[in-house]
C-alpha cells in the first residue's frame, strides 16, 4: 500500500508569514548512499512531497549536506 494513498488527514493549518518547513533528506527521508546518483526515492515519497509543498503554499525546503 502506498503511503500517499493510505494517509488521509486534514490539511495542515496555514503557516504564519515568514514560516517554512525544512526537512533533512540524507538518512532521514532517504537512505544514505555513497553517491547522489545512487539514492533511491520511493514512489510514495516522490508523490507525497509535492502535495505537502502545495499544502504549505510552497514553504517547503529539502536540506542536504551533500555538495552540489
N, C-alpha and C. Protein backbone atom coordinates (compact mmCIF):
# COMPACT_ATOMS: atom_id res chain seq x y z
N UNK A 1 0.85 -1.18 0.00
CA UNK A 1 0.00 0.00 0.00
C UNK A 1 0.90 1.24 0.00
N UNK A 2 0.65 2.14 -0.89
CA UNK A 2 1.45 3.35 -0.99
C UNK A 2 1.08 4.32 0.12
N UNK A 3 2.09 4.93 0.71
CA UNK A 3 1.88 5.88 1.80
C UNK A 3 1.00 7.04 1.37
N UNK A 4 1.25 7.59 0.20
CA UNK A 4 0.50 8.76 -0.26
C UNK A 4 -0.99 8.46 -0.38
N UNK A 5 -1.35 7.25 -0.68
CA UNK A 5 -2.77 6.90 -0.82
C UNK A 5 -3.38 6.42 0.48
N UNK A 6 -2.56 5.91 1.40
CA UNK A 6 -3.10 5.35 2.62
C UNK A 6 -3.31 6.38 3.71
N UNK A 7 -2.64 7.51 3.63
CA UNK A 7 -2.74 8.54 4.67
C UNK A 7 -3.82 9.54 4.27
N UNK A 8 -4.84 9.63 5.10
CA UNK A 8 -5.92 10.59 4.87
C UNK A 8 -6.02 11.47 6.10
N UNK A 9 -5.50 12.67 6.00
CA UNK A 9 -5.51 13.59 7.13
C UNK A 9 -5.99 14.95 6.66
N UNK A 10 -6.44 15.73 7.61
CA UNK A 10 -6.82 17.11 7.28
C UNK A 10 -5.58 17.87 6.86
N UNK A 11 -5.73 18.85 5.98
CA UNK A 11 -4.56 19.64 5.59
C UNK A 11 -4.00 20.40 6.78
N UNK A 12 -2.71 20.69 6.76
CA UNK A 12 -2.13 21.43 7.87
C UNK A 12 -2.70 22.85 7.91
N UNK A 13 -2.68 23.46 9.08
CA UNK A 13 -3.16 24.84 9.15
C UNK A 13 -2.20 25.75 8.37
N UNK A 14 -2.69 26.88 7.89
CA UNK A 14 -1.79 27.78 7.16
C UNK A 14 -0.67 28.27 8.07
N UNK A 15 0.51 28.42 7.50
CA UNK A 15 1.64 28.93 8.26
C UNK A 15 1.59 30.44 8.32
N UNK A 16 2.00 31.00 9.44
CA UNK A 16 2.10 32.46 9.50
C UNK A 16 3.14 32.96 8.49
N UNK A 17 3.04 34.19 8.07
CA UNK A 17 4.00 34.76 7.13
C UNK A 17 5.43 34.57 7.65
N UNK A 18 6.32 34.22 6.77
CA UNK A 18 7.72 34.08 7.12
C UNK A 18 8.11 32.70 7.64
N UNK A 19 7.17 31.77 7.77
CA UNK A 19 7.47 30.44 8.25
C UNK A 19 7.60 29.47 7.09
N UNK A 20 8.43 28.44 7.29
CA UNK A 20 8.61 27.39 6.29
C UNK A 20 8.94 26.10 7.00
N UNK A 21 8.83 24.99 6.30
CA UNK A 21 9.19 23.68 6.83
C UNK A 21 10.45 23.23 6.11
N UNK A 22 11.47 22.85 6.88
CA UNK A 22 12.73 22.37 6.36
C UNK A 22 12.88 20.91 6.75
N UNK A 23 13.08 20.03 5.77
CA UNK A 23 13.21 18.60 6.02
C UNK A 23 14.59 18.11 5.60
N UNK A 24 15.25 17.37 6.48
CA UNK A 24 16.54 16.76 6.16
C UNK A 24 16.28 15.51 5.33
N UNK A 25 17.05 15.33 4.27
CA UNK A 25 16.80 14.16 3.43
C UNK A 25 17.84 13.05 3.61
N UNK A 26 19.09 13.38 3.89
CA UNK A 26 20.16 12.38 3.96
C UNK A 26 20.05 11.53 5.21
N UNK A 27 19.61 10.28 5.04
CA UNK A 27 19.49 9.37 6.17
C UNK A 27 18.20 9.57 6.96
N UNK A 28 17.37 10.50 6.55
CA UNK A 28 16.11 10.75 7.24
C UNK A 28 14.96 10.39 6.30
N UNK A 29 14.73 11.21 5.30
CA UNK A 29 13.70 10.88 4.31
C UNK A 29 14.19 9.83 3.32
N UNK A 30 15.48 9.85 3.06
CA UNK A 30 16.08 8.90 2.11
C UNK A 30 17.22 8.16 2.77
N UNK A 31 17.42 6.90 2.38
CA UNK A 31 18.56 6.15 2.89
C UNK A 31 19.84 6.77 2.37
N UNK A 32 20.89 6.68 3.19
CA UNK A 32 22.20 7.18 2.76
C UNK A 32 22.71 6.34 1.60
N UNK A 33 23.42 6.97 0.69
CA UNK A 33 24.01 6.29 -0.45
C UNK A 33 25.39 6.88 -0.68
N UNK A 34 26.29 6.12 -1.27
CA UNK A 34 27.66 6.60 -1.46
C UNK A 34 27.77 7.77 -2.44
N UNK A 35 26.80 7.91 -3.32
CA UNK A 35 26.83 9.00 -4.31
C UNK A 35 25.40 9.45 -4.60
N UNK A 36 25.23 10.71 -4.99
CA UNK A 36 23.87 11.21 -5.26
C UNK A 36 23.11 10.38 -6.29
N UNK A 37 23.80 9.87 -7.32
CA UNK A 37 23.09 9.10 -8.34
C UNK A 37 22.71 7.70 -7.86
N UNK A 38 23.15 7.31 -6.67
CA UNK A 38 22.81 6.00 -6.11
C UNK A 38 21.64 6.09 -5.13
N UNK A 39 21.11 7.28 -4.91
CA UNK A 39 20.00 7.47 -3.98
C UNK A 39 18.71 6.96 -4.63
N UNK A 40 17.92 6.21 -3.86
CA UNK A 40 16.62 5.74 -4.34
C UNK A 40 15.52 6.54 -3.65
N UNK A 41 14.63 7.12 -4.44
CA UNK A 41 13.49 7.87 -3.90
C UNK A 41 12.25 7.02 -4.10
N UNK A 42 11.63 6.63 -2.98
CA UNK A 42 10.42 5.83 -3.02
C UNK A 42 9.32 6.59 -3.77
N UNK A 43 8.56 5.87 -4.56
CA UNK A 43 7.48 6.49 -5.35
C UNK A 43 6.47 7.21 -4.46
N UNK A 44 6.15 6.63 -3.31
CA UNK A 44 5.19 7.26 -2.39
C UNK A 44 5.71 8.60 -1.88
N UNK A 45 7.01 8.66 -1.55
CA UNK A 45 7.60 9.92 -1.08
C UNK A 45 7.63 10.94 -2.21
N UNK A 46 7.98 10.51 -3.41
CA UNK A 46 8.01 11.42 -4.56
C UNK A 46 6.62 11.98 -4.87
N UNK A 47 5.58 11.23 -4.55
CA UNK A 47 4.21 11.71 -4.74
C UNK A 47 3.78 12.62 -3.59
N UNK A 48 4.20 12.27 -2.39
CA UNK A 48 3.77 13.00 -1.20
C UNK A 48 4.41 14.39 -1.07
N UNK A 49 5.69 14.51 -1.37
CA UNK A 49 6.37 15.79 -1.16
C UNK A 49 5.78 16.95 -1.97
N UNK A 50 5.44 16.78 -3.23
CA UNK A 50 4.77 17.89 -3.93
C UNK A 50 3.42 18.25 -3.33
N UNK A 51 2.72 17.27 -2.81
CA UNK A 51 1.43 17.55 -2.15
C UNK A 51 1.64 18.37 -0.88
N UNK A 52 2.67 18.02 -0.12
CA UNK A 52 2.99 18.78 1.09
C UNK A 52 3.38 20.20 0.72
N UNK A 53 4.21 20.34 -0.32
CA UNK A 53 4.64 21.67 -0.76
C UNK A 53 3.43 22.52 -1.14
N UNK A 54 2.50 21.94 -1.89
CA UNK A 54 1.30 22.69 -2.27
C UNK A 54 0.46 23.06 -1.05
N UNK A 55 0.33 22.12 -0.11
CA UNK A 55 -0.46 22.38 1.09
C UNK A 55 0.16 23.49 1.93
N UNK A 56 1.47 23.63 1.86
CA UNK A 56 2.17 24.67 2.62
C UNK A 56 2.36 25.95 1.81
N UNK A 57 1.75 26.02 0.66
CA UNK A 57 1.90 27.22 -0.16
C UNK A 57 3.31 27.41 -0.68
N UNK A 58 4.05 26.30 -0.85
CA UNK A 58 5.42 26.37 -1.37
C UNK A 58 6.48 26.51 -0.30
N UNK A 59 6.08 26.62 0.96
CA UNK A 59 7.04 26.87 2.05
C UNK A 59 7.67 25.57 2.55
N UNK A 60 8.29 24.82 1.64
CA UNK A 60 8.93 23.55 1.97
C UNK A 60 10.32 23.53 1.36
N UNK A 61 11.31 23.16 2.16
CA UNK A 61 12.69 23.05 1.67
C UNK A 61 13.24 21.69 2.07
N UNK A 62 13.98 21.06 1.16
CA UNK A 62 14.66 19.81 1.44
C UNK A 62 16.13 20.13 1.62
N UNK A 63 16.69 19.69 2.74
CA UNK A 63 18.06 20.05 3.12
C UNK A 63 18.96 18.84 2.98
N UNK A 64 20.14 19.06 2.41
CA UNK A 64 21.15 18.01 2.27
C UNK A 64 22.51 18.55 2.67
N UNK A 65 23.36 17.68 3.14
CA UNK A 65 24.73 18.07 3.45
C UNK A 65 25.67 17.83 2.28
N UNK A 66 25.13 17.27 1.20
CA UNK A 66 25.96 16.98 0.03
C UNK A 66 26.29 18.27 -0.73
N UNK A 67 27.42 18.23 -1.38
CA UNK A 67 27.78 19.35 -2.27
C UNK A 67 27.02 19.23 -3.56
N UNK A 68 26.80 20.35 -4.18
CA UNK A 68 26.12 20.34 -5.47
C UNK A 68 26.98 19.65 -6.44
